[in-house]
Amino acid sequence: MSGVAAVVGNPRPGSRTRGAAEALGRAASGGGEVPVVDLAALGPALLAPGDPAVLEAARTVGTAAVVVVATPAYRGSFTGLLKLFLDGLPPGALEGALAVPLVVAGSPGHLRTADAHLRLVLAELGADLPGASLLVQERDLPDLPTRAAAWVAGHAAALPAAPAPTLEVPS
């Protein structure tokens, strides 16, 4: 296992949730590019057992040392699209990986509820979980690179070979 990967459970391609996942993934990887599995792009293929694109997505997630699992809060939990993907992974698929839940919500009341549900599923798949997820209200998304770097700095001990976070400083 090596590197950082992100899986995005927003049903809209190119969503703000994806942007948030990429920002946290870059912070966790020390600024490098992070492979992103955008489940919206897989669409109906998620329903086809053995679909090559879905198998590749599962490999990307299953071989990463750190997996950012990003979702919008949706109906008091995380999205069904993300649940469908996670349910398709084999038992223990995230064994030895650090899963970092990232929840984006419109209101603060939805953040903790969605996080609690997501953490249970990730733990069931064998993932190690840090002490805290990154919970972000939509209004705070413009400040996400700074918040992501601060989250990484605060959780560096839990991250495998965590590099020093890089903060982008305006020139």
C-alpha atoms as a PDB file:
ATOM      1  CA  MET A   1       0.000   0.000   0.000  1.00  0.00           C
ATOM      2  CA  SER A   2       1.242   3.402  -0.831  1.00  0.00           C
ATOM      3  CA  GLY A   3       0.128   6.897  -1.555  1.00  0.00           C
ATOM      4  CA  VAL A   4      -3.084   8.802  -1.185  1.00  0.00           C
ATOM      5  CA  ALA A   5      -6.255   8.277  -3.216  1.00  0.00           C
ATOM      6  CA  ALA A   6      -9.693   9.851  -3.015  1.00  0.00           C
ATOM      7  CA  VAL A   7     -13.159   8.514  -3.695  1.00  0.00           C
ATOM      8  CA  VAL A   8     -15.972  11.007  -4.259  1.00  0.00           C
ATOM      9  CA  GLY A   9     -19.567   9.996  -3.597  1.00  0.00           C
ATOM     10  CA  ASN A  10     -21.331  13.046  -4.986  1.00  0.00           C
ATOM     11  CA  PRO A  11     -23.739  12.091  -7.805  1.00  0.00           C
ATOM     12  CA  ARG A  12     -22.775  15.247  -9.720  1.00  0.00           C
ATOM     13  CA  PRO A  13     -19.558  14.999 -11.778  1.00  0.00           C
ATOM     14  CA  GLY A  14     -16.943  17.642 -10.981  1.00  0.00           C
ATOM     15  CA  SER A  15     -18.741  18.617  -7.768  1.00  0.00           C
ATOM     16  CA  ARG A  16     -17.547  20.852  -4.958  1.00  0.00           C
ATOM     17  CA  THR A  17     -17.193  17.633  -2.959  1.00  0.00           C
ATOM     18  CA  ARG A  18     -14.618  16.473  -5.508  1.00  0.00           C
ATOM     19  CA  GLY A  19     -12.746  19.762  -5.169  1.00  0.00           C
ATOM     20  CA  ALA A  20     -12.729  19.296  -1.396  1.00  0.00           C
ATOM     21  CA  ALA A  21     -11.441  15.710  -1.740  1.00  0.00           C
ATOM     22  CA  GLU A  22      -8.664  16.843  -4.060  1.00  0.00           C
ATOM     23  CA  ALA A  23      -7.634  19.615  -1.650  1.00  0.00           C
ATOM     24  CA  LEU A  24      -7.464  17.221   1.307  1.00  0.00           C
ATOM     25  CA  GLY A  25      -5.697  14.571  -0.784  1.00  0.00           C
ATOM     26  CA  ARG A  26      -3.069  17.075  -1.932  1.00  0.00           C
ATOM     27  CA  ALA A  27      -2.516  18.230   1.644  1.00  0.00           C
ATOM     28  CA  ALA A  28      -2.164  14.623   2.861  1.00  0.00           C
ATOM     29  CA  SER A  29       0.269  13.766   0.060  1.00  0.00           C
ATOM     30  CA  GLY A  30       2.446  16.830   0.540  1.00  0.00           C
ATOM     31  CA  GLY A  31       1.106  18.583  -2.539  1.00  0.00           C
ATOM     32  CA  GLY A  32       1.338  15.822  -5.119  1.00  0.00           C
ATOM     33  CA  GLU A  33      -1.330  14.721  -7.559  1.00  0.00           C
ATOM     34  CA  VAL A  34      -3.854  12.327  -6.080  1.00  0.00           C
ATOM     35  CA  PRO A  35      -5.823   9.741  -8.062  1.00  0.00           C
ATOM     36  CA  VAL A  36      -9.529  10.498  -7.709  1.00  0.00           C
ATOM     37  CA  VAL A  37     -12.330   7.991  -8.173  1.00  0.00           C
ATOM     38  CA  ASP A  38     -15.338  10.163  -9.030  1.00  0.00           C
ATOM     39  CA  LEU A  39     -18.258   7.756  -8.650  1.00  0.00           C
ATOM     40  CA  ALA A  40     -20.547  10.012 -10.697  1.00  0.00           C
ATOM     41  CA  ALA A  41     -18.394   9.172 -13.724  1.00  0.00           C
ATOM     42  CA  LEU A  42     -18.958   5.445 -13.168  1.00  0.00           C
ATOM     43  CA  GLY A  43     -22.737   5.828 -13.024  1.00  0.00           C
ATOM     44  CA  PRO A  44     -24.672   2.675 -13.954  1.00  0.00           C
ATOM     45  CA  ALA A  45     -21.437   0.655 -14.224  1.00  0.00           C
ATOM     46  CA  LEU A  46     -21.551   0.441 -10.415  1.00  0.00           C
ATOM     47  CA  LEU A  47     -24.488  -1.921 -10.838  1.00  0.00           C
ATOM     48  CA  ALA A  48     -22.601  -4.270 -13.170  1.00  0.00           C
ATOM     49  CA  PRO A  49     -20.529  -6.834 -11.252  1.00  0.00           C
ATOM     50  CA  GLY A  50     -17.081  -7.134 -12.772  1.00  0.00           C
ATOM     51  CA  ASP A  51     -17.241  -3.904 -14.785  1.00  0.00           C
ATOM     52  CA  PRO A  52     -13.600  -3.048 -15.678  1.00  0.00           C
ATOM     53  CA  ALA A  53     -13.908   0.628 -14.687  1.00  0.00           C
ATOM     54  CA  VAL A  54     -15.407  -0.285 -11.312  1.00  0.00           C
ATOM     55  CA  LEU A  55     -12.718  -2.928 -10.709  1.00  0.00           C
ATOM     56  CA  GLU A  56     -10.034  -0.333 -11.501  1.00  0.00           C
ATOM     57  CA  ALA A  57     -11.680   2.122  -9.098  1.00  0.00           C
ATOM     58  CA  ALA A  58     -11.703  -0.552  -6.389  1.00  0.00           C
ATOM     59  CA  ARG A  59      -7.993  -1.258  -7.047  1.00  0.00           C
ATOM     60  CA  THR A  60      -7.157   2.439  -6.795  1.00  0.00           C
ATOM     61  CA  VAL A  61      -8.898   2.699  -3.442  1.00  0.00           C
ATOM     62  CA  GLY A  62      -7.780  -0.704  -2.166  1.00  0.00           C
ATOM     63  CA  THR A  63      -4.065  -0.125  -2.766  1.00  0.00           C
ATOM     64  CA  ALA A  64      -3.803   3.349  -1.220  1.00  0.00           C
ATOM     65  CA  ALA A  65      -2.287   3.807   2.216  1.00  0.00           C
ATOM     66  CA  VAL A  66      -4.559   6.822   2.800  1.00  0.00           C
ATOM     67  CA  VAL A  67      -8.045   7.039   1.287  1.00  0.00           C
ATOM     68  CA  VAL A  68      -9.987  10.288   1.416  1.00  0.00           C
ATOM     69  CA  VAL A  69     -13.664   9.288   1.320  1.00  0.00           C
ATOM     70  CA  ALA A  70     -15.675  12.375   0.426  1.00  0.00           C
ATOM     71  CA  THR A  71     -19.436  12.783   0.386  1.00  0.00           C
ATOM     72  CA  PRO A  72     -22.031  15.464   0.709  1.00  0.00           C
ATOM     73  CA  ALA A  73     -24.424  15.009   3.595  1.00  0.00           C
ATOM     74  CA  TYR A  74     -27.488  13.557   1.945  1.00  0.00           C
ATOM     75  CA  ARG A  75     -30.807  12.825   3.644  1.00  0.00           C
ATOM     76  CA  GLY A  76     -29.154  12.615   7.054  1.00  0.00           C
ATOM     77  CA  SER A  77     -26.357  10.311   5.924  1.00  0.00           C
ATOM     78  CA  PHE A  78     -23.947   9.898   3.023  1.00  0.00           C
ATOM     79  CA  THR A  79     -24.960   9.285  -0.583  1.00  0.00           C
ATOM     80  CA  GLY A  80     -26.381   6.029  -1.867  1.00  0.00           C
ATOM     81  CA  LEU A  81     -23.848   6.190  -4.694  1.00  0.00           C
ATOM     82  CA  LEU A  82     -20.993   5.975  -2.201  1.00  0.00           C
ATOM     83  CA  LYS A  83     -22.799   3.224  -0.266  1.00  0.00           C
ATOM     84  CA  LEU A  84     -23.237   1.236  -3.480  1.00  0.00           C
ATOM     85  CA  PHE A  85     -19.494   1.460  -4.237  1.00  0.00           C
ATOM     86  CA  LEU A  86     -18.423   0.621  -0.680  1.00  0.00           C
ATOM     87  CA  ASP A  87     -20.860  -2.308  -0.522  1.00  0.00           C
ATOM     88  CA  GLY A  88     -19.258  -3.698  -3.689  1.00  0.00           C
ATOM     89  CA  LEU A  89     -15.803  -3.850  -2.106  1.00  0.00           C
ATOM     90  CA  PRO A  90     -14.746  -7.215  -0.705  1.00  0.00           C
ATOM     91  CA  PRO A  91     -14.585  -7.722   3.080  1.00  0.00           C
ATOM     92  CA  GLY A  92     -11.404  -6.229   4.489  1.00  0.00           C
ATOM     93  CA  ALA A  93     -10.798  -4.183   1.332  1.00  0.00           C
ATOM     94  CA  LEU A  94      -9.511  -1.238   3.371  1.00  0.00           C
ATOM     95  CA  GLU A  95      -7.525  -3.317   5.864  1.00  0.00           C
ATOM     96  CA  GLY A  96      -4.307  -1.447   6.697  1.00  0.00           C
ATOM     97  CA  ALA A  97      -5.451   1.780   5.043  1.00  0.00           C
ATOM     98  CA  LEU A  98      -6.170   5.001   6.853  1.00  0.00           C
ATOM     99  CA  ALA A  99      -9.578   6.237   5.728  1.00  0.00           C
ATOM    100  CA  VAL A 100     -10.213   9.938   6.113  1.00  0.00           C
ATOM    101  CA  PRO A 101     -13.924  10.764   5.978  1.00  0.00           C
ATOM    102  CA  LEU A 102     -14.690  14.162   4.475  1.00  0.00           C
ATOM    103  CA  VAL A 103     -18.272  15.368   4.753  1.00  0.00           C
ATOM    104  CA  VAL A 104     -19.596  18.520   3.076  1.00  0.00           C
ATOM    105  CA  ALA A 105     -22.964  19.831   4.261  1.00  0.00           C
ATOM    106  CA  GLY A 106     -25.188  22.851   3.975  1.00  0.00           C
ATOM    107  CA  SER A 107     -25.915  22.976   7.697  1.00  0.00           C
ATOM    108  CA  PRO A 108     -23.948  21.968  10.785  1.00  0.00           C
ATOM    109  CA  GLY A 109     -26.592  19.497  11.988  1.00  0.00           C
ATOM    110  CA  HIS A 110     -26.002  17.218   9.010  1.00  0.00           C
ATOM    111  CA  LEU A 111     -22.228  16.988   9.383  1.00  0.00           C
ATOM    112  CA  ARG A 112     -22.010  14.722  12.433  1.00  0.00           C
ATOM    113  CA  THR A 113     -24.879  12.471  11.392  1.00  0.00           C
ATOM    114  CA  ALA A 114     -23.397  11.770   7.953  1.00  0.00           C
ATOM    115  CA  ASP A 115     -19.948  11.294   9.478  1.00  0.00           C
ATOM    116  CA  ALA A 116     -21.197   8.758  12.023  1.00  0.00           C
ATOM    117  CA  HIS A 117     -22.840   6.622   9.330  1.00  0.00           C
ATOM    118  CA  LEU A 118     -19.828   6.792   7.019  1.00  0.00           C
ATOM    119  CA  ARG A 119     -17.319   5.902   9.740  1.00  0.00           C
ATOM    120  CA  LEU A 120     -19.283   2.750  10.603  1.00  0.00           C
ATOM    121  CA  VAL A 121     -19.119   1.475   7.016  1.00  0.00           C
ATOM    122  CA  LEU A 122     -15.405   2.305   6.658  1.00  0.00           C
ATOM    123  CA  ALA A 123     -14.599   0.511   9.916  1.00  0.00           C
ATOM    124  CA  GLU A 124     -16.591  -2.512   8.695  1.00  0.00           C
ATOM    125  CA  LEU A 125     -14.303  -2.610   5.634  1.00  0.00           C
ATOM    126  CA  GLY A 126     -11.267  -2.757   7.926  1.00  0.00           C
ATOM    127  CA  ALA A 127     -10.059   0.832   7.582  1.00  0.00           C
ATOM    128  CA  ASP A 128      -8.199   2.597  10.342  1.00  0.00           C
ATOM    129  CA  LEU A 129      -9.849   5.921  11.144  1.00  0.00           C
ATOM    130  CA  PRO A 130      -8.234   9.047  12.559  1.00  0.00           C
ATOM    131  CA  GLY A 131      -9.588  10.648  15.695  1.00  0.00           C
ATOM    132  CA  ALA A 132     -11.592  13.148  13.677  1.00  0.00           C
ATOM    133  CA  SER A 133     -13.030  13.445  10.212  1.00  0.00           C
ATOM    134  CA  LEU A 134     -12.872  16.656   8.230  1.00  0.00           C
ATOM    135  CA  LEU A 135     -16.358  18.148   8.391  1.00  0.00           C
ATOM    136  CA  VAL A 136     -16.973  21.186   6.209  1.00  0.00           C
ATOM    137  CA  GLN A 137     -19.966  23.412   5.724  1.00  0.00           C
ATOM    138  CA  GLU A 138     -20.525  24.590   2.166  1.00  0.00           C
ATOM    139  CA  ARG A 139     -19.911  28.192   3.221  1.00  0.00           C
ATOM    140  CA  ASP A 140     -16.369  27.197   4.320  1.00  0.00           C
ATOM    141  CA  LEU A 141     -15.341  25.573   1.020  1.00  0.00           C
ATOM    142  CA  PRO A 142     -13.386  28.620  -0.241  1.00  0.00           C
ATOM    143  CA  ASP A 143     -11.069  28.224   2.771  1.00  0.00           C
ATOM    144  CA  LEU A 144     -10.656  24.476   2.314  1.00  0.00           C
ATOM    145  CA  PRO A 145      -6.958  24.338   1.279  1.00  0.00           C
ATOM    146  CA  THR A 146      -6.019  26.059   4.534  1.00  0.00           C
ATOM    147  CA  ARG A 147      -8.387  23.888   6.587  1.00  0.00           C
ATOM    148  CA  ALA A 148      -7.120  20.720   4.879  1.00  0.00           C
ATOM    149  CA  ALA A 149      -3.500  21.628   5.618  1.00  0.00           C
ATOM    150  CA  ALA A 150      -4.408  22.321   9.244  1.00  0.00           C
ATOM    151  CA  TRP A 151      -6.243  18.967   9.463  1.00  0.00           C
ATOM    152  CA  VAL A 152      -3.193  17.149   8.086  1.00  0.00           C
ATOM    153  CA  ALA A 153      -0.868  18.978  10.481  1.00  0.00           C
ATOM    154  CA  GLY A 154      -3.119  18.050  13.402  1.00  0.00           C
ATOM    155  CA  HIS A 155      -3.253  14.384  12.367  1.00  0.00           C
ATOM    156  CA  ALA A 156       0.304  13.915  11.106  1.00  0.00           C
ATOM    157  CA  ALA A 157       1.012  11.201  13.681  1.00  0.00           C
ATOM    158  CA  ALA A 158      -1.805   9.050  12.242  1.00  0.00           C
ATOM    159  CA  LEU A 159      -0.772   9.490   8.611  1.00  0.00           C
ATOM    160  CA  PRO A 160       1.754   6.983   7.254  1.00  0.00           C
ATOM    161  CA  ALA A 161       4.982   8.809   6.461  1.00  0.00           C
ATOM    162  CA  ALA A 162       3.056  12.054   6.480  1.00  0.00           C
ATOM    163  CA  PRO A 163       4.921  14.838   4.714  1.00  0.00           C
ATOM    164  CA  ALA A 164       4.842  18.341   6.069  1.00  0.00           C
ATOM    165  CA  PRO A 165       1.716  20.040   4.773  1.00  0.00           C
ATOM    166  CA  THR A 166       2.263  22.691   2.164  1.00  0.00           C
ATOM    167  CA  LEU A 167       0.320  25.883   2.502  1.00  0.00           C
ATOM    168  CA  GLU A 168      -0.117  27.903  -0.643  1.00  0.00           C
ATOM    169  CA  VAL A 169       0.978  31.443   0.037  1.00  0.00           C
ATOM    170  CA  PRO A 170      -0.308  34.137  -2.340  1.00  0.00           C
ATOM    171  CA  SER A 171       2.526  35.897  -4.118  1.00  0.00           C
END
